[in-house]
Amino acid sequence: MKASSQKLASYEIGWWKAHHRKQWKKVSNDMSHLYHLQLGIPFFVAKKCVQFRLRAAKEHDLAEKFEDKGDVSRANLHWEKAEKWLVKHFAALRLK
């Protein structure tokens, strides 16, 4: 399936805006459409991959919060969790 560059850009900028506005359902939806169109994977697979990636992103946000406060040990726990979610994310992409 070929998607237009405009359509891909629309989903990309859509999830950026939604992320900034903390509209998590829209982030998930736009990223899933982007993966589906860009990578040619079934939408349900894209959705699962994105769920893993968003969990990693939330851990990333927590890690930064603790790191900014100087609590590196708590930050590192969240960095590790983020990495585990990303492993699941990339494993799911490889199984497509």
N, C-alpha and C. Protein backbone atom coordinates (compact mmCIF):
# COMPACT_ATOMS: atom_id res chain seq x y z
N MET A 1 0.84 -1.17 0.00
CA MET A 1 0.00 0.00 0.00
C MET A 1 0.89 1.24 0.00
N LYS A 2 0.67 2.12 -0.95
CA LYS A 2 1.46 3.34 -1.04
C LYS A 2 0.63 4.49 -0.49
N ALA A 3 1.23 5.23 0.37
CA ALA A 3 0.56 6.41 0.93
C ALA A 3 1.27 7.65 0.42
N SER A 4 0.52 8.70 0.27
CA SER A 4 1.13 9.94 -0.19
C SER A 4 2.02 10.53 0.90
N SER A 5 3.00 11.28 0.47
CA SER A 5 3.88 11.96 1.42
C SER A 5 3.07 12.91 2.29
N GLN A 6 2.06 13.52 1.71
CA GLN A 6 1.21 14.44 2.47
C GLN A 6 0.47 13.71 3.59
N LYS A 7 -0.05 12.52 3.28
CA LYS A 7 -0.79 11.73 4.27
C LYS A 7 0.14 11.30 5.41
N LEU A 8 1.34 10.83 5.05
CA LEU A 8 2.31 10.44 6.07
C LEU A 8 2.69 11.62 6.95
N ALA A 9 2.94 12.76 6.33
CA ALA A 9 3.30 13.97 7.09
C ALA A 9 2.16 14.39 8.01
N SER A 10 0.94 14.23 7.54
CA SER A 10 -0.23 14.60 8.34
C SER A 10 -0.32 13.75 9.61
N TYR A 11 -0.10 12.44 9.48
CA TYR A 11 -0.12 11.58 10.66
C TYR A 11 1.06 11.87 11.58
N GLU A 12 2.22 12.14 11.00
CA GLU A 12 3.40 12.44 11.82
C GLU A 12 3.18 13.72 12.64
N ILE A 13 2.79 14.80 11.97
CA ILE A 13 2.57 16.06 12.69
C ILE A 13 1.39 15.93 13.64
N GLY A 14 0.42 15.08 13.27
CA GLY A 14 -0.73 14.85 14.14
C GLY A 14 -0.33 14.26 15.48
N TRP A 15 0.55 13.26 15.45
CA TRP A 15 0.93 12.67 16.73
C TRP A 15 1.85 13.59 17.50
N TRP A 16 2.66 14.40 16.81
CA TRP A 16 3.50 15.37 17.53
C TRP A 16 2.63 16.34 18.33
N LYS A 17 1.62 16.90 17.63
CA LYS A 17 0.72 17.86 18.29
C LYS A 17 -0.03 17.19 19.45
N ALA A 18 -0.55 16.00 19.18
CA ALA A 18 -1.31 15.29 20.21
C ALA A 18 -0.43 14.97 21.41
N HIS A 19 0.82 14.63 21.18
CA HIS A 19 1.75 14.36 22.28
C HIS A 19 1.93 15.61 23.13
N HIS A 20 2.16 16.73 22.48
CA HIS A 20 2.34 17.98 23.21
C HIS A 20 1.09 18.33 24.01
N ARG A 21 -0.07 18.02 23.46
CA ARG A 21 -1.35 18.33 24.12
C ARG A 21 -1.82 17.22 25.06
N LYS A 22 -1.00 16.18 25.16
CA LYS A 22 -1.29 15.02 26.01
C LYS A 22 -2.63 14.35 25.66
N GLN A 23 -2.88 14.26 24.36
CA GLN A 23 -4.07 13.57 23.84
C GLN A 23 -3.63 12.16 23.41
N TRP A 24 -3.53 11.26 24.40
CA TRP A 24 -2.88 9.97 24.18
C TRP A 24 -3.60 9.08 23.18
N LYS A 25 -4.93 9.14 23.12
CA LYS A 25 -5.65 8.31 22.14
C LYS A 25 -5.32 8.75 20.72
N LYS A 26 -5.22 10.06 20.52
CA LYS A 26 -4.87 10.57 19.19
C LYS A 26 -3.42 10.23 18.85
N VAL A 27 -2.54 10.32 19.83
CA VAL A 27 -1.15 9.92 19.59
C VAL A 27 -1.12 8.48 19.10
N SER A 28 -1.79 7.60 19.82
CA SER A 28 -1.83 6.19 19.47
C SER A 28 -2.43 5.97 18.09
N ASN A 29 -3.53 6.63 17.81
CA ASN A 29 -4.20 6.46 16.53
C ASN A 29 -3.34 6.95 15.36
N ASP A 30 -2.80 8.15 15.49
CA ASP A 30 -2.00 8.70 14.39
C ASP A 30 -0.71 7.91 14.17
N MET A 31 -0.05 7.50 15.27
CA MET A 31 1.16 6.70 15.11
C MET A 31 0.84 5.35 14.48
N SER A 32 -0.28 4.76 14.87
CA SER A 32 -0.67 3.47 14.31
C SER A 32 -0.92 3.57 12.81
N HIS A 33 -1.61 4.63 12.40
CA HIS A 33 -1.84 4.84 10.97
C HIS A 33 -0.52 5.06 10.24
N LEU A 34 0.37 5.82 10.85
CA LEU A 34 1.68 6.08 10.24
C LEU A 34 2.45 4.78 10.04
N TYR A 35 2.53 3.95 11.08
CA TYR A 35 3.23 2.67 10.97
C TYR A 35 2.59 1.80 9.89
N HIS A 36 1.27 1.74 9.92
CA HIS A 36 0.53 0.91 8.97
C HIS A 36 0.85 1.34 7.53
N LEU A 37 0.79 2.62 7.27
CA LEU A 37 1.02 3.12 5.91
C LEU A 37 2.49 3.11 5.52
N GLN A 38 3.34 3.52 6.43
CA GLN A 38 4.76 3.64 6.11
C GLN A 38 5.46 2.28 6.02
N LEU A 39 5.10 1.39 6.93
CA LEU A 39 5.78 0.09 6.99
C LEU A 39 5.02 -1.02 6.28
N GLY A 40 3.77 -0.74 5.91
CA GLY A 40 2.97 -1.75 5.22
C GLY A 40 2.56 -2.91 6.10
N ILE A 41 2.42 -2.66 7.39
CA ILE A 41 2.02 -3.73 8.31
C ILE A 41 0.52 -3.60 8.60
N PRO A 42 -0.12 -4.72 8.97
CA PRO A 42 -1.54 -4.64 9.30
C PRO A 42 -1.78 -3.64 10.44
N PHE A 43 -2.92 -2.99 10.39
CA PHE A 43 -3.21 -1.95 11.39
C PHE A 43 -3.17 -2.50 12.81
N PHE A 44 -3.71 -3.71 13.04
CA PHE A 44 -3.72 -4.26 14.40
C PHE A 44 -2.31 -4.52 14.92
N VAL A 45 -1.38 -4.85 14.03
CA VAL A 45 0.03 -5.03 14.43
C VAL A 45 0.63 -3.66 14.75
N ALA A 46 0.34 -2.69 13.91
CA ALA A 46 0.83 -1.33 14.14
C ALA A 46 0.35 -0.82 15.49
N LYS A 47 -0.92 -1.08 15.80
CA LYS A 47 -1.50 -0.62 17.06
C LYS A 47 -0.77 -1.23 18.25
N LYS A 48 -0.47 -2.52 18.18
CA LYS A 48 0.24 -3.20 19.27
C LYS A 48 1.65 -2.63 19.43
N CYS A 49 2.34 -2.44 18.32
CA CYS A 49 3.69 -1.87 18.36
C CYS A 49 3.69 -0.49 18.99
N VAL A 50 2.72 0.31 18.60
CA VAL A 50 2.61 1.67 19.13
C VAL A 50 2.31 1.65 20.62
N GLN A 51 1.47 0.73 21.07
CA GLN A 51 1.18 0.63 22.51
C GLN A 51 2.46 0.39 23.30
N PHE A 52 3.31 -0.50 22.81
CA PHE A 52 4.59 -0.74 23.48
C PHE A 52 5.46 0.51 23.47
N ARG A 53 5.50 1.18 22.35
CA ARG A 53 6.33 2.39 22.23
C ARG A 53 5.82 3.50 23.15
N LEU A 54 4.52 3.64 23.27
CA LEU A 54 3.97 4.67 24.16
C LEU A 54 4.24 4.37 25.62
N ARG A 55 4.23 3.11 25.98
CA ARG A 55 4.59 2.76 27.36
C ARG A 55 6.05 3.11 27.62
N ALA A 56 6.89 2.86 26.62
CA ALA A 56 8.30 3.25 26.75
C ALA A 56 8.43 4.76 26.88
N ALA A 57 7.65 5.49 26.11
CA ALA A 57 7.71 6.95 26.15
C ALA A 57 7.28 7.49 27.51
N LYS A 58 6.29 6.87 28.12
CA LYS A 58 5.85 7.31 29.45
C LYS A 58 6.94 7.05 30.49
N GLU A 59 7.62 5.92 30.36
CA GLU A 59 8.76 5.65 31.25
C GLU A 59 9.89 6.65 31.00
N HIS A 60 10.10 7.00 29.75
CA HIS A 60 11.09 8.01 29.37
C HIS A 60 10.78 9.34 30.06
N ASP A 61 9.51 9.74 30.02
CA ASP A 61 9.11 11.00 30.65
C ASP A 61 9.37 10.97 32.16
N LEU A 62 9.05 9.84 32.80
CA LEU A 62 9.31 9.70 34.24
C LEU A 62 10.81 9.73 34.53
N ALA A 63 11.59 9.05 33.70
CA ALA A 63 13.04 9.05 33.89
C ALA A 63 13.60 10.46 33.83
N GLU A 64 13.16 11.23 32.85
CA GLU A 64 13.63 12.61 32.73
C GLU A 64 13.22 13.45 33.94
N LYS A 65 12.01 13.23 34.42
CA LYS A 65 11.52 13.98 35.58
C LYS A 65 12.42 13.74 36.79
N PHE A 66 12.72 12.46 37.07
CA PHE A 66 13.57 12.15 38.21
C PHE A 66 15.01 12.60 37.99
N GLU A 67 15.49 12.46 36.78
CA GLU A 67 16.86 12.88 36.48
C GLU A 67 17.01 14.39 36.65
N ASP A 68 16.01 15.14 36.21
CA ASP A 68 16.04 16.59 36.35
C ASP A 68 16.05 17.03 37.81
N LYS A 69 15.48 16.19 38.68
CA LYS A 69 15.47 16.48 40.12
C LYS A 69 16.73 15.96 40.81
N GLY A 70 17.62 15.33 40.05
CA GLY A 70 18.86 14.81 40.62
C GLY A 70 18.75 13.41 41.19
N ASP A 71 17.63 12.76 41.02
CA ASP A 71 17.43 11.40 41.53
C ASP A 71 17.76 10.40 40.43
N VAL A 72 19.04 10.21 40.22
CA VAL A 72 19.52 9.38 39.11
C VAL A 72 19.15 7.91 39.31
N SER A 73 19.16 7.43 40.55
CA SER A 73 18.84 6.01 40.76
C SER A 73 17.39 5.71 40.37
N ARG A 74 16.46 6.60 40.74
CA ARG A 74 15.06 6.38 40.33
C ARG A 74 14.91 6.58 38.83
N ALA A 75 15.64 7.54 38.28
CA ALA A 75 15.60 7.76 36.84
C ALA A 75 16.06 6.50 36.11
N ASN A 76 17.13 5.89 36.59
CA ASN A 76 17.66 4.69 35.93
C ASN A 76 16.66 3.54 35.93
N LEU A 77 15.85 3.43 36.98
CA LEU A 77 14.81 2.40 37.00
C LEU A 77 13.83 2.61 35.84
N HIS A 78 13.48 3.86 35.60
CA HIS A 78 12.54 4.16 34.52
C HIS A 78 13.20 4.03 33.15
N TRP A 79 14.49 4.36 33.05
CA TRP A 79 15.20 4.14 31.78
C TRP A 79 15.20 2.65 31.45
N GLU A 80 15.42 1.81 32.46
CA GLU A 80 15.43 0.36 32.24
C GLU A 80 14.05 -0.14 31.80
N LYS A 81 13.01 0.37 32.44
CA LYS A 81 11.65 -0.02 32.04
C LYS A 81 11.37 0.42 30.61
N ALA A 82 11.80 1.63 30.27
CA ALA A 82 11.60 2.14 28.91
C ALA A 82 12.28 1.22 27.90
N GLU A 83 13.49 0.80 28.22
CA GLU A 83 14.22 -0.08 27.30
C GLU A 83 13.50 -1.42 27.13
N LYS A 84 12.96 -1.96 28.21
CA LYS A 84 12.22 -3.23 28.11
C LYS A 84 11.00 -3.09 27.21
N TRP A 85 10.28 -1.97 27.33
CA TRP A 85 9.12 -1.75 26.45
C TRP A 85 9.57 -1.58 25.00
N LEU A 86 10.71 -0.93 24.79
CA LEU A 86 11.21 -0.78 23.42
C LEU A 86 11.63 -2.11 22.82
N VAL A 87 12.18 -3.00 23.63
CA VAL A 87 12.52 -4.34 23.14
C VAL A 87 11.25 -5.03 22.64
N LYS A 88 10.17 -4.92 23.41
CA LYS A 88 8.89 -5.51 22.98
C LYS A 88 8.39 -4.85 21.70
N HIS A 89 8.55 -3.53 21.63
CA HIS A 89 8.14 -2.76 20.44
C HIS A 89 8.86 -3.27 19.19
N PHE A 90 10.18 -3.35 19.27
CA PHE A 90 10.95 -3.76 18.09
C PHE A 90 10.76 -5.25 17.78
N ALA A 91 10.56 -6.07 18.80
CA ALA A 91 10.28 -7.49 18.56
C ALA A 91 8.95 -7.64 17.82
N ALA A 92 7.95 -6.88 18.22
CA ALA A 92 6.64 -6.95 17.54
C ALA A 92 6.75 -6.48 16.09
N LEU A 93 7.57 -5.48 15.84
CA LEU A 93 7.77 -5.02 14.47
C LEU A 93 8.44 -6.10 13.61
N ARG A 94 9.36 -6.82 14.21
CA ARG A 94 10.07 -7.86 13.46
C ARG A 94 9.17 -9.04 13.14
N LEU A 95 8.14 -9.26 13.95
CA LEU A 95 7.22 -10.39 13.74
C LEU A 95 6.15 -10.10 12.70
N LYS A 96 6.08 -8.86 12.26
CA LYS A 96 5.03 -8.47 11.31
C LYS A 96 4.93 -9.47 10.21
